[in-house]
C-alpha atoms as a PDB file:
ATOM      1  CA  MET A   1      51.154  -3.316  29.197  1.00  0.00           C
ATOM      2  CA  LYS A   2      49.814  -6.136  31.391  1.00  0.00           C
ATOM      3  CA  LYS A   3      48.765  -8.025  28.258  1.00  0.00           C
ATOM      4  CA  VAL A   4      52.299  -7.712  26.841  1.00  0.00           C
ATOM      5  CA  CYS A   5      53.836  -9.065  30.052  1.00  0.00           C
ATOM      6  CA  LEU A   6      51.334 -11.938  30.104  1.00  0.00           C
ATOM      7  CA  LEU A   7      52.183 -12.862  26.512  1.00  0.00           C
ATOM      8  CA  VAL A   8      55.900 -12.939  27.309  1.00  0.00           C
ATOM      9  CA  VAL A   9      55.286 -15.190  30.343  1.00  0.00           C
ATOM     10  CA  LEU A  10      53.169 -17.573  28.254  1.00  0.00           C
ATOM     11  CA  LEU A  11      55.823 -17.802  25.551  1.00  0.00           C
ATOM     12  CA  LEU A  12      58.512 -18.545  28.125  1.00  0.00           C
ATOM     13  CA  ALA A  13      56.323 -21.150  29.783  1.00  0.00           C
ATOM     14  CA  CYS A  14      55.707 -22.902  26.469  1.00  0.00           C
ATOM     15  CA  ALA A  15      59.444 -22.958  25.862  1.00  0.00           C
ATOM     16  CA  ALA A  16      59.821 -25.470  28.683  1.00  0.00           C
ATOM     17  CA  VAL A  17      57.588 -27.998  26.897  1.00  0.00           C
ATOM     18  CA  PRO A  18      59.637 -30.680  25.076  1.00  0.00           C
ATOM     19  CA  GLY A  19      59.527 -30.371  21.302  1.00  0.00           C
ATOM     20  CA  TYR A  20      61.540 -29.242  18.332  1.00  0.00           C
ATOM     21  CA  ALA A  21      64.877 -27.626  19.130  1.00  0.00           C
ATOM     22  CA  GLN A  22      65.317 -24.013  18.104  1.00  0.00           C
ATOM     23  CA  ASP A  23      67.515 -23.559  15.014  1.00  0.00           C
ATOM     24  CA  PHE A  24      68.799 -19.991  14.734  1.00  0.00           C
ATOM     25  CA  GLY A  25      70.700 -20.386  11.481  1.00  0.00           C
ATOM     26  CA  MET A  26      67.596 -20.202   9.301  1.00  0.00           C
ATOM     27  CA  SER A  27      65.986 -17.501   7.166  1.00  0.00           C
ATOM     28  CA  ARG A  28      62.359 -16.502   7.710  1.00  0.00           C
ATOM     29  CA  ILE A  29      59.371 -15.055   5.894  1.00  0.00           C
ATOM     30  CA  GLY A  30      56.025 -14.177   7.434  1.00  0.00           C
ATOM     31  CA  VAL A  31      53.202 -11.776   8.199  1.00  0.00           C
ATOM     32  CA  HIS A  32      52.147  -9.763  11.258  1.00  0.00           C
ATOM     33  CA  SER A  33      49.478  -7.563  12.761  1.00  0.00           C
ATOM     34  CA  ALA A  34      50.680  -4.216  14.128  1.00  0.00           C
ATOM     35  CA  TYR A  35      49.312  -1.916  16.842  1.00  0.00           C
ATOM     36  CA  SER A  36      50.607   1.647  16.885  1.00  0.00           C
ATOM     37  CA  SER A  37      51.323   2.995  20.353  1.00  0.00           C
ATOM     38  CA  GLY A  38      53.582   5.501  22.074  1.00  0.00           C
ATOM     39  CA  GLY A  39      55.472   8.522  20.871  1.00  0.00           C
ATOM     40  CA  ASP A  40      53.338  11.019  18.934  1.00  0.00           C
ATOM     41  CA  VAL A  41      50.517   8.595  18.108  1.00  0.00           C
ATOM     42  CA  GLU A  42      47.192  10.181  19.120  1.00  0.00           C
ATOM     43  CA  ASP A  43      44.605   7.455  18.500  1.00  0.00           C
ATOM     44  CA  ALA A  44      46.230   4.026  18.283  1.00  0.00           C
ATOM     45  CA  GLN A  45      44.987   1.811  15.450  1.00  0.00           C
ATOM     46  CA  PHE A  46      45.601  -1.737  14.291  1.00  0.00           C
ATOM     47  CA  GLY A  47      47.594  -2.333  11.125  1.00  0.00           C
ATOM     48  CA  PHE A  48      49.278  -5.162   9.267  1.00  0.00           C
ATOM     49  CA  GLY A  49      52.494  -6.066   7.454  1.00  0.00           C
ATOM     50  CA  ALA A  50      54.999  -8.652   6.334  1.00  0.00           C
ATOM     51  CA  GLN A  51      58.679  -9.410   6.811  1.00  0.00           C
ATOM     52  CA  ALA A  52      61.546 -11.396   5.276  1.00  0.00           C
ATOM     53  CA  GLU A  53      64.710 -12.237   7.221  1.00  0.00           C
ATOM     54  CA  PHE A  54      67.979 -13.563   5.816  1.00  0.00           C
ATOM     55  CA  ALA A  55      70.428 -15.273   8.199  1.00  0.00           C
ATOM     56  CA  PHE A  56      74.173 -14.720   7.868  1.00  0.00           C
ATOM     57  CA  THR A  57      75.240 -16.590  11.012  1.00  0.00           C
ATOM     58  CA  PRO A  58      73.307 -18.553  13.655  1.00  0.00           C
ATOM     59  CA  ASN A  59      72.837 -15.294  15.599  1.00  0.00           C
ATOM     60  CA  VAL A  60      73.030 -12.435  13.085  1.00  0.00           C
ATOM     61  CA  SER A  61      70.591 -11.666  10.280  1.00  0.00           C
ATOM     62  CA  ILE A  62      69.106  -8.878   8.144  1.00  0.00           C
ATOM     63  CA  GLU A  63      65.366  -8.225   7.938  1.00  0.00           C
ATOM     64  CA  LEU A  64      63.235  -6.277   5.483  1.00  0.00           C
ATOM     65  CA  SER A  65      59.784  -5.446   6.872  1.00  0.00           C
ATOM     66  CA  VAL A  66      56.768  -3.461   5.716  1.00  0.00           C
ATOM     67  CA  SER A  67      54.041  -2.279   8.116  1.00  0.00           C
ATOM     68  CA  GLN A  68      50.976  -0.076   7.561  1.00  0.00           C
ATOM     69  CA  PHE A  69      48.950   1.653  10.282  1.00  0.00           C
ATOM     70  CA  SER A  70      46.645   4.626  10.767  1.00  0.00           C
ATOM     71  CA  ASP A  71      46.381   7.439  13.287  1.00  0.00           C
ATOM     72  CA  GLU A  72      43.512   9.873  13.923  1.00  0.00           C
ATOM     73  CA  TYR A  73      43.239  13.228  15.668  1.00  0.00           C
ATOM     74  CA  GLU A  74      40.277  15.576  16.117  1.00  0.00           C
ATOM     75  CA  GLU A  75      40.059  18.968  17.826  1.00  0.00           C
ATOM     76  CA  SER A  76      38.216  22.302  17.279  1.00  0.00           C
ATOM     77  CA  GLY A  77      36.300  21.045  14.255  1.00  0.00           C
ATOM     78  CA  ILE A  78      39.442  19.731  12.502  1.00  0.00           C
ATOM     79  CA  LYS A  79      39.867  16.001  11.874  1.00  0.00           C
ATOM     80  CA  GLU A  80      43.172  14.510  10.690  1.00  0.00           C
ATOM     81  CA  ASP A  81      43.538  10.969   9.333  1.00  0.00           C
ATOM     82  CA  LEU A  82      47.151   9.849   8.877  1.00  0.00           C
ATOM     83  CA  ASP A  83      48.064   6.619   7.069  1.00  0.00           C
ATOM     84  CA  VAL A  84      51.680   5.523   7.419  1.00  0.00           C
ATOM     85  CA  THR A  85      53.559   2.812   5.533  1.00  0.00           C
ATOM     86  CA  THR A  86      56.948   2.150   7.079  1.00  0.00           C
ATOM     87  CA  ILE A  87      59.569   0.051   5.256  1.00  0.00           C
ATOM     88  CA  GLY A  88      62.365  -1.028   7.592  1.00  0.00           C
ATOM     89  CA  LEU A  89      65.787  -2.558   7.039  1.00  0.00           C
ATOM     90  CA  SER A  90      67.078  -4.008  10.282  1.00  0.00           C
ATOM     91  CA  ALA A  91      70.080  -5.868  11.664  1.00  0.00           C
ATOM     92  CA  LEU A  92      68.994  -8.562  14.135  1.00  0.00           C
ATOM     93  CA  PHE A  93      70.862 -10.395  16.891  1.00  0.00           C
ATOM     94  CA  ARG A  94      69.208 -13.593  18.186  1.00  0.00           C
ATOM     95  CA  ALA A  95      69.844 -15.604  21.369  1.00  0.00           C
ATOM     96  CA  PRO A  96      68.139 -18.750  22.726  1.00  0.00           C
ATOM     97  CA  LEU A  97      65.879 -18.871  25.798  1.00  0.00           C
ATOM     98  CA  GLY A  98      65.404 -22.636  25.659  1.00  0.00           C
ATOM     99  CA  ARG A  99      64.664 -25.377  23.159  1.00  0.00           C
ATOM    100  CA  LYS A 100      61.585 -23.670  21.758  1.00  0.00           C
ATOM    101  CA  ALA A 101      61.997 -19.956  22.488  1.00  0.00           C
ATOM    102  CA  GLY A 102      64.398 -17.159  21.717  1.00  0.00           C
ATOM    103  CA  ILE A 103      64.883 -13.456  22.142  1.00  0.00           C
ATOM    104  CA  TYR A 104      66.207 -10.933  19.649  1.00  0.00           C
ATOM    105  CA  PHE A 105      67.241  -7.303  19.392  1.00  0.00           C
ATOM    106  CA  LEU A 106      67.114  -5.161  16.280  1.00  0.00           C
ATOM    107  CA  GLY A 107      67.961  -1.738  14.926  1.00  0.00           C
ATOM    108  CA  GLY A 108      68.062  -0.063  11.550  1.00  0.00           C
ATOM    109  CA  LEU A 109      66.705   2.477   9.082  1.00  0.00           C
ATOM    110  CA  ASP A 110      63.211   2.873   7.714  1.00  0.00           C
ATOM    111  CA  TYR A 111      61.551   4.733   4.851  1.00  0.00           C
ATOM    112  CA  ASN A 112      58.175   6.190   5.761  1.00  0.00           C
ATOM    113  CA  ILE A 113      55.347   7.062   3.374  1.00  0.00           C
ATOM    114  CA  ALA A 114      52.680   9.218   5.030  1.00  0.00           C
ATOM    115  CA  ASP A 115      49.294  10.277   3.647  1.00  0.00           C
ATOM    116  CA  LEU A 116      47.418  12.949   5.647  1.00  0.00           C
ATOM    117  CA  ASP A 117      43.748  13.785   5.031  1.00  0.00           C
ATOM    118  CA  ILE A 118      42.249  16.857   6.723  1.00  0.00           C
ATOM    119  CA  SER A 119      38.477  17.409   6.997  1.00  0.00           C
ATOM    120  CA  LEU A 120      36.799  20.457   8.493  1.00  0.00           C
ATOM    121  CA  ASP A 121      33.497  20.654  10.348  1.00  0.00           C
ATOM    122  CA  ARG A 122      31.327  22.931   8.180  1.00  0.00           C
ATOM    123  CA  ALA A 123      29.334  24.048  11.205  1.00  0.00           C
ATOM    124  CA  VAL A 124      32.542  25.436  12.751  1.00  0.00           C
ATOM    125  CA  TRP A 125      34.520  26.672   9.742  1.00  0.00           C
ATOM    126  CA  GLY A 126      31.840  27.473   7.183  1.00  0.00           C
ATOM    127  CA  PRO A 127      30.826  25.822   3.900  1.00  0.00           C
ATOM    128  CA  THR A 128      33.689  27.218   1.743  1.00  0.00           C
ATOM    129  CA  MET A 129      36.677  26.499   3.984  1.00  0.00           C
ATOM    130  CA  ASN A 130      38.975  23.611   2.934  1.00  0.00           C
ATOM    131  CA  ALA A 131      42.371  22.349   4.079  1.00  0.00           C
ATOM    132  CA  SER A 132      44.857  19.856   2.653  1.00  0.00           C
ATOM    133  CA  ALA A 133      48.374  18.641   3.352  1.00  0.00           C
ATOM    134  CA  ASP A 134      51.098  17.054   1.214  1.00  0.00           C
ATOM    135  CA  VAL A 135      53.471  15.109   3.493  1.00  0.00           C
ATOM    136  CA  ASP A 136      56.993  14.302   2.314  1.00  0.00           C
ATOM    137  CA  ASP A 137      58.314  10.744   2.458  1.00  0.00           C
ATOM    138  CA  GLU A 138      61.047  10.607   5.084  1.00  0.00           C
ATOM    139  CA  PHE A 139      63.780   8.349   6.445  1.00  0.00           C
ATOM    140  CA  GLY A 140      63.892   7.474  10.139  1.00  0.00           C
ATOM    141  CA  PHE A 141      65.581   4.957  12.370  1.00  0.00           C
ATOM    142  CA  HIS A 142      64.285   2.360  14.828  1.00  0.00           C
ATOM    143  CA  LEU A 143      65.249   0.163  17.747  1.00  0.00           C
ATOM    144  CA  GLY A 144      63.396  -2.852  19.081  1.00  0.00           C
ATOM    145  CA  ALA A 145      63.282  -6.254  20.709  1.00  0.00           C
ATOM    146  CA  GLY A 146      61.199  -9.353  20.411  1.00  0.00           C
ATOM    147  CA  ILE A 147      60.571 -12.928  21.494  1.00  0.00           C
ATOM    148  CA  ASN A 148      59.796 -15.964  19.358  1.00  0.00           C
ATOM    149  CA  LEU A 149      58.219 -19.344  20.100  1.00  0.00           C
ATOM    150  CA  LEU A 150      58.711 -22.394  17.904  1.00  0.00           C
ATOM    151  CA  LEU A 151      55.370 -24.015  17.072  1.00  0.00           C
ATOM    152  CA  HIS A 152      56.684 -26.534  14.562  1.00  0.00           C
ATOM    153  CA  LYS A 153      60.046 -27.362  13.032  1.00  0.00           C
ATOM    154  CA  ASN A 154      59.576 -24.611  10.419  1.00  0.00           C
ATOM    155  CA  VAL A 155      56.878 -22.391  11.968  1.00  0.00           C
ATOM    156  CA  GLU A 156      57.266 -19.864  14.775  1.00  0.00           C
ATOM    157  CA  LEU A 157      55.126 -17.276  16.538  1.00  0.00           C
ATOM    158  CA  PHE A 158      56.694 -13.943  17.518  1.00  0.00           C
ATOM    159  CA  ALA A 159      55.915 -10.790  19.476  1.00  0.00           C
ATOM    160  CA  GLU A 160      57.940  -7.622  18.928  1.00  0.00           C
ATOM    161  CA  PHE A 161      58.023  -3.959  19.886  1.00  0.00           C
ATOM    162  CA  ARG A 162      59.974  -1.454  17.833  1.00  0.00           C
ATOM    163  CA  TYR A 163      60.179   2.313  18.262  1.00  0.00           C
ATOM    164  CA  THR A 164      60.782   4.632  15.313  1.00  0.00           C
ATOM    165  CA  PHE A 165      62.320   8.092  15.521  1.00  0.00           C
ATOM    166  CA  LEU A 166      60.976  10.231  12.680  1.00  0.00           C
ATOM    167  CA  ALA A 167      60.578  13.852  11.590  1.00  0.00           C
ATOM    168  CA  LEU A 168      57.972  14.764   8.975  1.00  0.00           C
ATOM    169  CA  ASP A 169      57.700  17.820   6.684  1.00  0.00           C
ATOM    170  CA  ALA A 170      54.476  18.873   4.936  1.00  0.00           C
ATOM    171  CA  ASP A 171      53.018  21.582   2.735  1.00  0.00           C
ATOM    172  CA  LEU A 172      49.772  22.778   4.321  1.00  0.00           C
ATOM    173  CA  SER A 173      47.163  24.637   2.220  1.00  0.00           C
ATOM    174  CA  VAL A 174      44.004  26.395   3.381  1.00  0.00           C
ATOM    175  CA  THR A 175      41.411  27.826   0.961  1.00  0.00           C
ATOM    176  CA  SER A 176      38.142  29.719   1.364  1.00  0.00           C
ATOM    177  CA  GLY A 177      36.365  30.456  -1.889  1.00  0.00           C
ATOM    178  CA  ALA A 178      38.793  32.296  -4.185  1.00  0.00           C
ATOM    179  CA  TYR A 179      41.265  33.014  -1.386  1.00  0.00           C
ATOM    180  CA  GLY A 180      43.955  30.742  -0.052  1.00  0.00           C
ATOM    181  CA  ASP A 181      47.198  30.476   1.850  1.00  0.00           C
ATOM    182  CA  SER A 182      49.925  27.868   2.288  1.00  0.00           C
ATOM    183  CA  ALA A 183      52.759  27.138   4.686  1.00  0.00           C
ATOM    184  CA  ARG A 184      55.581  24.676   5.189  1.00  0.00           C
ATOM    185  CA  VAL A 185      55.297  22.804   8.495  1.00  0.00           C
ATOM    186  CA  GLU A 186      57.598  20.287  10.164  1.00  0.00           C
ATOM    187  CA  GLY A 187      57.627  18.292  13.364  1.00  0.00           C
ATOM    188  CA  ASP A 188      58.536  15.030  15.032  1.00  0.00           C
ATOM    189  CA  TYR A 189      56.336  11.999  14.582  1.00  0.00           C
ATOM    190  CA  ASP A 190      57.893   9.232  16.658  1.00  0.00           C
ATOM    191  CA  PHE A 191      55.853   6.048  16.986  1.00  0.00           C
ATOM    192  CA  GLY A 192      55.957   2.580  18.478  1.00  0.00           C
ATOM    193  CA  LEU A 193      54.674  -0.579  16.821  1.00  0.00           C
ATOM    194  CA  PHE A 194      53.745  -3.679  18.766  1.00  0.00           C
ATOM    195  CA  LYS A 195      53.730  -6.662  16.366  1.00  0.00           C
ATOM    196  CA  ILE A 196      52.379 -10.192  16.687  1.00  0.00           C
ATOM    197  CA  GLY A 197      52.976 -12.499  13.783  1.00  0.00           C
ATOM    198  CA  ILE A 198      54.019 -15.812  12.362  1.00  0.00           C
ATOM    199  CA  ASN A 199      57.118 -16.845  10.393  1.00  0.00           C
ATOM    200  CA  TYR A 200      57.969 -19.743   8.132  1.00  0.00           C
ATOM    201  CA  LYS A 201      61.620 -20.773   8.550  1.00  0.00           C
ATOM    202  CA  PHE A 202      63.660 -22.193   5.688  1.00  0.00           C
END
């Protein structure tokens, strides 16, 4: 959290340096790195993604973003690897913080594609025991805020945190030799994504 606060302070400090004036009535396209944190994330991992934003007014725009990240969990000889691709459609409101910096707030819906791999420790569960899960794609919703710094007339750096509220359903199967069993499981999987990226404005 200290690193996040430091980044915000640095962006605000840079905003005071004379340079190109911020133009909020522009569309954007760019890429970002993503770090999963908060909510039901067990082992935070780095991810990546891209976004495209279309401005309707100087302060209001719509953004389509895609982010991919991974999460891991291990206990009692069971290891779970979860890969999540989240596709978000957001409404954004932007406001200036100076000539070179701005702040924005966002909210919207997202479509989440999850792939869960389960591996068992043979020393704990035996050589014939196997487990698998088929996770349903699910809709969720998110809220977030960010800050942007103009580096050039058409290039900006941004930092953003968004939190997604999500419930996942899955079919879980366990087999041992010729025998097997299955069950339907469901639960919340809320997650936060801290993004740092770059946009080209046009």
